[in-house]
């Protein structure tokens, strides 16, 4: 999937789930619009890089068997992913979330 691809998932009740982008005007669908943050990309001064954190306190991590996973930073079976570039962290965040829509 390229960065320009957008996934819209429409539930049987008409609810649309997607990663927000300014390229799609959600108002065109009509009805009530509710937007929730799926994660945050933040600079971590201790680690010296960008991390992806989810609202429930999990981080984007790597697992040898499963690839990218959301896990607690104290989970010893995974390692926390840290990016030197914010854009690289955003790209990983998008890849992870789009795969789970």
N, C-alpha and C. Protein backbone atom coordinates (compact mmCIF):
# COMPACT_ATOMS: atom_id res chain seq x y z
N UNK A 1 0.84 -1.18 0.00
CA UNK A 1 0.00 0.00 0.00
C UNK A 1 0.89 1.24 0.00
N UNK A 2 0.60 2.19 -0.86
CA UNK A 2 1.40 3.40 -0.91
C UNK A 2 0.87 4.42 0.10
N UNK A 3 1.69 5.44 0.38
CA UNK A 3 1.28 6.47 1.32
C UNK A 3 0.06 7.24 0.83
N UNK A 4 -0.20 7.20 -0.48
CA UNK A 4 -1.34 7.95 -1.01
C UNK A 4 -2.64 7.15 -0.94
N UNK A 5 -2.57 5.86 -0.59
CA UNK A 5 -3.78 5.06 -0.46
C UNK A 5 -4.52 5.43 0.81
N UNK A 6 -5.83 5.43 0.75
CA UNK A 6 -6.66 5.73 1.92
C UNK A 6 -7.67 4.60 2.06
N UNK A 7 -7.84 4.15 3.28
CA UNK A 7 -8.77 3.07 3.55
C UNK A 7 -9.96 3.65 4.31
N UNK A 8 -11.15 3.40 3.80
CA UNK A 8 -12.38 3.75 4.48
C UNK A 8 -13.11 2.44 4.75
N UNK A 9 -13.47 2.19 5.99
CA UNK A 9 -14.24 1.01 6.35
C UNK A 9 -15.62 1.49 6.75
N UNK A 10 -16.64 1.00 6.05
CA UNK A 10 -18.01 1.41 6.34
C UNK A 10 -18.73 0.23 6.98
N UNK A 11 -19.15 0.41 8.23
CA UNK A 11 -19.85 -0.63 8.98
C UNK A 11 -21.29 -0.74 8.47
N UNK A 12 -21.95 -1.88 8.76
CA UNK A 12 -23.34 -2.05 8.32
C UNK A 12 -24.28 -0.94 8.81
N UNK A 13 -23.95 -0.34 9.97
CA UNK A 13 -24.81 0.75 10.48
C UNK A 13 -24.50 2.10 9.84
N UNK A 14 -23.55 2.12 8.89
CA UNK A 14 -23.20 3.35 8.19
C UNK A 14 -22.04 4.12 8.79
N UNK A 15 -21.49 3.64 9.91
CA UNK A 15 -20.35 4.29 10.53
C UNK A 15 -19.12 4.11 9.64
N UNK A 16 -18.38 5.20 9.43
CA UNK A 16 -17.17 5.16 8.61
C UNK A 16 -15.96 5.23 9.54
N UNK A 17 -15.02 4.31 9.36
CA UNK A 17 -13.77 4.31 10.12
C UNK A 17 -12.63 4.53 9.12
N UNK A 18 -11.72 5.42 9.47
CA UNK A 18 -10.61 5.73 8.59
C UNK A 18 -9.54 6.46 9.37
N UNK A 19 -8.34 6.53 8.81
CA UNK A 19 -7.31 7.40 9.35
C UNK A 19 -7.56 8.77 8.74
N UNK A 20 -7.56 9.80 9.57
CA UNK A 20 -7.87 11.14 9.10
C UNK A 20 -6.81 11.64 8.13
N UNK A 21 -7.28 12.28 7.09
CA UNK A 21 -6.42 12.98 6.14
C UNK A 21 -7.20 14.16 5.60
N UNK A 22 -6.52 15.24 5.32
CA UNK A 22 -7.19 16.41 4.74
C UNK A 22 -7.62 16.16 3.30
N UNK A 23 -7.16 15.05 2.71
CA UNK A 23 -7.50 14.76 1.32
C UNK A 23 -8.92 14.26 1.15
N UNK A 24 -9.55 13.82 2.23
CA UNK A 24 -10.93 13.34 2.18
C UNK A 24 -11.78 14.25 3.06
N UNK A 25 -12.78 14.90 2.47
CA UNK A 25 -13.67 15.77 3.22
C UNK A 25 -14.77 14.91 3.85
N UNK A 26 -14.62 14.61 5.13
CA UNK A 26 -15.57 13.73 5.82
C UNK A 26 -16.97 14.32 5.87
N UNK A 27 -17.09 15.63 5.73
CA UNK A 27 -18.42 16.26 5.73
C UNK A 27 -19.26 15.79 4.56
N UNK A 28 -18.60 15.33 3.49
CA UNK A 28 -19.32 14.87 2.30
C UNK A 28 -20.18 13.64 2.60
N UNK A 29 -19.86 12.91 3.67
CA UNK A 29 -20.64 11.73 4.04
C UNK A 29 -21.95 12.13 4.72
N UNK A 30 -22.01 13.36 5.22
CA UNK A 30 -23.20 13.82 5.92
C UNK A 30 -23.25 13.25 7.33
N UNK A 31 -24.20 13.70 8.09
CA UNK A 31 -24.37 13.18 9.45
C UNK A 31 -23.33 13.73 10.41
N UNK A 32 -23.32 13.14 11.58
CA UNK A 32 -22.42 13.58 12.66
C UNK A 32 -21.00 13.07 12.41
N UNK A 33 -20.02 13.93 12.66
CA UNK A 33 -18.61 13.56 12.51
C UNK A 33 -17.98 13.52 13.90
N UNK A 34 -17.33 12.42 14.21
CA UNK A 34 -16.60 12.30 15.47
C UNK A 34 -15.19 11.82 15.12
N UNK A 35 -14.20 12.58 15.57
CA UNK A 35 -12.81 12.23 15.28
C UNK A 35 -12.10 11.98 16.60
N UNK A 36 -11.44 10.82 16.69
CA UNK A 36 -10.69 10.43 17.89
C UNK A 36 -9.25 10.15 17.52
N UNK A 37 -8.34 10.57 18.36
CA UNK A 37 -6.92 10.29 18.14
C UNK A 37 -6.66 8.81 18.40
N UNK A 38 -5.99 8.17 17.47
CA UNK A 38 -5.64 6.76 17.63
C UNK A 38 -4.30 6.62 18.33
N UNK A 39 -3.44 7.62 18.19
CA UNK A 39 -2.10 7.57 18.78
C UNK A 39 -1.46 8.95 18.71
N UNK A 40 -0.32 9.05 19.35
CA UNK A 40 0.45 10.29 19.37
C UNK A 40 1.90 9.99 19.00
N UNK A 41 2.46 10.81 18.14
CA UNK A 41 3.89 10.72 17.83
C UNK A 41 4.57 11.83 18.60
N UNK A 42 5.45 11.45 19.52
CA UNK A 42 6.07 12.42 20.43
C UNK A 42 7.58 12.21 20.50
N UNK A 43 8.31 13.30 20.72
CA UNK A 43 9.75 13.24 20.95
C UNK A 43 10.00 12.75 22.38
N UNK A 44 10.89 11.80 22.53
CA UNK A 44 11.28 11.30 23.85
C UNK A 44 12.74 11.68 24.08
N UNK A 45 12.95 12.67 24.92
CA UNK A 45 14.31 13.17 25.15
C UNK A 45 15.21 12.12 25.77
N UNK A 46 14.66 11.26 26.62
CA UNK A 46 15.46 10.20 27.25
C UNK A 46 15.99 9.22 26.22
N UNK A 47 15.14 8.85 25.26
CA UNK A 47 15.53 7.90 24.22
C UNK A 47 16.21 8.57 23.04
N UNK A 48 16.04 9.87 22.92
CA UNK A 48 16.66 10.61 21.82
C UNK A 48 16.02 10.32 20.48
N UNK A 49 14.69 10.16 20.48
CA UNK A 49 14.01 9.88 19.23
C UNK A 49 12.50 9.99 19.38
N UNK A 50 11.80 9.71 18.29
CA UNK A 50 10.35 9.81 18.22
C UNK A 50 9.72 8.46 18.52
N UNK A 51 8.65 8.46 19.31
CA UNK A 51 7.92 7.24 19.63
C UNK A 51 6.45 7.42 19.26
N UNK A 52 5.75 6.29 19.13
CA UNK A 52 4.31 6.29 18.87
C UNK A 52 3.64 5.72 20.11
N UNK A 53 2.79 6.54 20.75
CA UNK A 53 2.10 6.11 21.97
C UNK A 53 0.60 6.12 21.73
N UNK A 54 -0.07 5.08 22.24
CA UNK A 54 -1.52 4.95 22.13
C UNK A 54 -2.17 5.48 23.40
N UNK A 55 -3.44 5.90 23.32
CA UNK A 55 -4.11 6.48 24.49
C UNK A 55 -4.12 5.59 25.74
N UNK A 56 -4.06 4.27 25.55
CA UNK A 56 -4.09 3.35 26.69
C UNK A 56 -2.71 3.12 27.32
N UNK A 57 -1.70 3.87 26.87
CA UNK A 57 -0.37 3.77 27.46
C UNK A 57 0.56 2.78 26.78
N UNK A 58 0.06 2.10 25.76
CA UNK A 58 0.94 1.18 25.01
C UNK A 58 1.73 1.99 23.98
N UNK A 59 2.83 1.41 23.52
CA UNK A 59 3.69 2.03 22.51
C UNK A 59 3.80 1.11 21.30
N UNK A 60 4.19 1.69 20.17
CA UNK A 60 4.45 0.89 18.99
C UNK A 60 5.80 0.22 19.21
N UNK A 61 5.78 -1.10 19.20
CA UNK A 61 6.96 -1.90 19.49
C UNK A 61 7.18 -2.91 18.37
N UNK A 62 8.28 -3.62 18.44
CA UNK A 62 8.56 -4.67 17.47
C UNK A 62 8.68 -6.00 18.19
N UNK A 63 8.12 -7.01 17.55
CA UNK A 63 8.17 -8.37 18.05
C UNK A 63 8.78 -9.22 16.94
N UNK A 64 9.72 -10.09 17.28
CA UNK A 64 10.40 -10.90 16.25
C UNK A 64 9.43 -11.74 15.44
N UNK A 65 8.37 -12.22 16.06
CA UNK A 65 7.41 -13.10 15.39
C UNK A 65 6.29 -12.32 14.69
N UNK A 66 5.79 -11.29 15.34
CA UNK A 66 4.58 -10.61 14.88
C UNK A 66 4.82 -9.29 14.17
N UNK A 67 6.04 -8.80 14.12
CA UNK A 67 6.31 -7.50 13.52
C UNK A 67 5.92 -6.38 14.46
N UNK A 68 5.30 -5.32 13.93
CA UNK A 68 4.91 -4.19 14.77
C UNK A 68 3.70 -4.56 15.62
N UNK A 69 3.79 -4.26 16.90
CA UNK A 69 2.70 -4.53 17.84
C UNK A 69 2.58 -3.36 18.80
N UNK A 70 1.43 -3.23 19.42
CA UNK A 70 1.24 -2.25 20.48
C UNK A 70 1.46 -2.98 21.80
N UNK A 71 2.37 -2.48 22.62
CA UNK A 71 2.69 -3.16 23.88
C UNK A 71 3.13 -2.13 24.91
N UNK A 72 3.10 -2.54 26.15
CA UNK A 72 3.61 -1.70 27.24
C UNK A 72 5.12 -1.60 27.11
N UNK A 73 5.68 -0.47 27.52
CA UNK A 73 7.13 -0.29 27.38
C UNK A 73 7.92 -1.18 28.33
N UNK A 74 7.26 -1.82 29.30
CA UNK A 74 7.96 -2.73 30.21
C UNK A 74 7.81 -4.19 29.80
N UNK A 75 7.18 -4.45 28.65
CA UNK A 75 7.01 -5.82 28.14
C UNK A 75 8.37 -6.30 27.62
N UNK A 76 8.92 -7.30 28.27
CA UNK A 76 10.26 -7.78 27.94
C UNK A 76 10.31 -8.61 26.65
N UNK A 77 9.15 -8.98 26.08
CA UNK A 77 9.15 -9.80 24.87
C UNK A 77 9.24 -8.97 23.59
N UNK A 78 9.20 -7.65 23.72
CA UNK A 78 9.26 -6.76 22.56
C UNK A 78 10.27 -5.67 22.82
N UNK A 79 10.63 -4.93 21.77
CA UNK A 79 11.47 -3.77 21.99
C UNK A 79 10.79 -2.53 21.42
N UNK A 80 10.93 -1.45 22.16
CA UNK A 80 10.31 -0.18 21.81
C UNK A 80 10.95 0.37 20.54
N UNK A 81 10.10 0.77 19.60
CA UNK A 81 10.59 1.36 18.35
C UNK A 81 10.80 2.86 18.55
N UNK A 82 11.95 3.34 18.14
CA UNK A 82 12.30 4.76 18.25
C UNK A 82 12.84 5.20 16.89
N UNK A 83 12.33 6.32 16.40
CA UNK A 83 12.74 6.82 15.10
C UNK A 83 13.51 8.13 15.26
N UNK A 84 14.49 8.34 14.42
CA UNK A 84 15.26 9.58 14.42
C UNK A 84 14.52 10.69 13.69
N UNK A 85 13.62 10.31 12.81
CA UNK A 85 12.85 11.28 12.03
C UNK A 85 11.38 11.19 12.43
N UNK A 86 10.74 12.34 12.65
CA UNK A 86 9.32 12.35 12.98
C UNK A 86 8.51 11.77 11.83
N UNK A 87 8.90 12.08 10.60
CA UNK A 87 8.17 11.56 9.44
C UNK A 87 8.23 10.04 9.39
N UNK A 88 9.38 9.45 9.71
CA UNK A 88 9.48 7.99 9.74
C UNK A 88 8.54 7.40 10.79
N UNK A 89 8.44 8.06 11.95
CA UNK A 89 7.52 7.60 13.00
C UNK A 89 6.07 7.72 12.53
N UNK A 90 5.73 8.82 11.86
CA UNK A 90 4.38 9.00 11.33
C UNK A 90 4.05 7.93 10.28
N UNK A 91 5.01 7.62 9.42
CA UNK A 91 4.80 6.60 8.40
C UNK A 91 4.55 5.23 9.04
N UNK A 92 5.31 4.90 10.08
CA UNK A 92 5.13 3.62 10.78
C UNK A 92 3.77 3.59 11.48
N UNK A 93 3.40 4.70 12.09
CA UNK A 93 2.10 4.82 12.75
C UNK A 93 0.97 4.56 11.75
N UNK A 94 1.03 5.19 10.60
CA UNK A 94 0.02 5.02 9.56
C UNK A 94 -0.02 3.58 9.08
N UNK A 95 1.12 2.99 8.82
CA UNK A 95 1.20 1.60 8.36
C UNK A 95 0.55 0.66 9.37
N UNK A 96 0.88 0.84 10.64
CA UNK A 96 0.34 -0.01 11.70
C UNK A 96 -1.18 0.15 11.80
N UNK A 97 -1.65 1.39 11.83
CA UNK A 97 -3.08 1.63 12.03
C UNK A 97 -3.90 1.22 10.82
N UNK A 98 -3.42 1.47 9.61
CA UNK A 98 -4.17 1.08 8.42
C UNK A 98 -4.34 -0.44 8.33
N UNK A 99 -3.34 -1.16 8.79
CA UNK A 99 -3.42 -2.63 8.76
C UNK A 99 -4.47 -3.15 9.73
N UNK A 100 -4.91 -2.30 10.65
CA UNK A 100 -5.87 -2.74 11.67
C UNK A 100 -7.25 -2.14 11.52
N UNK A 101 -7.50 -1.43 10.42
CA UNK A 101 -8.84 -0.88 10.20
C UNK A 101 -9.82 -1.98 9.85
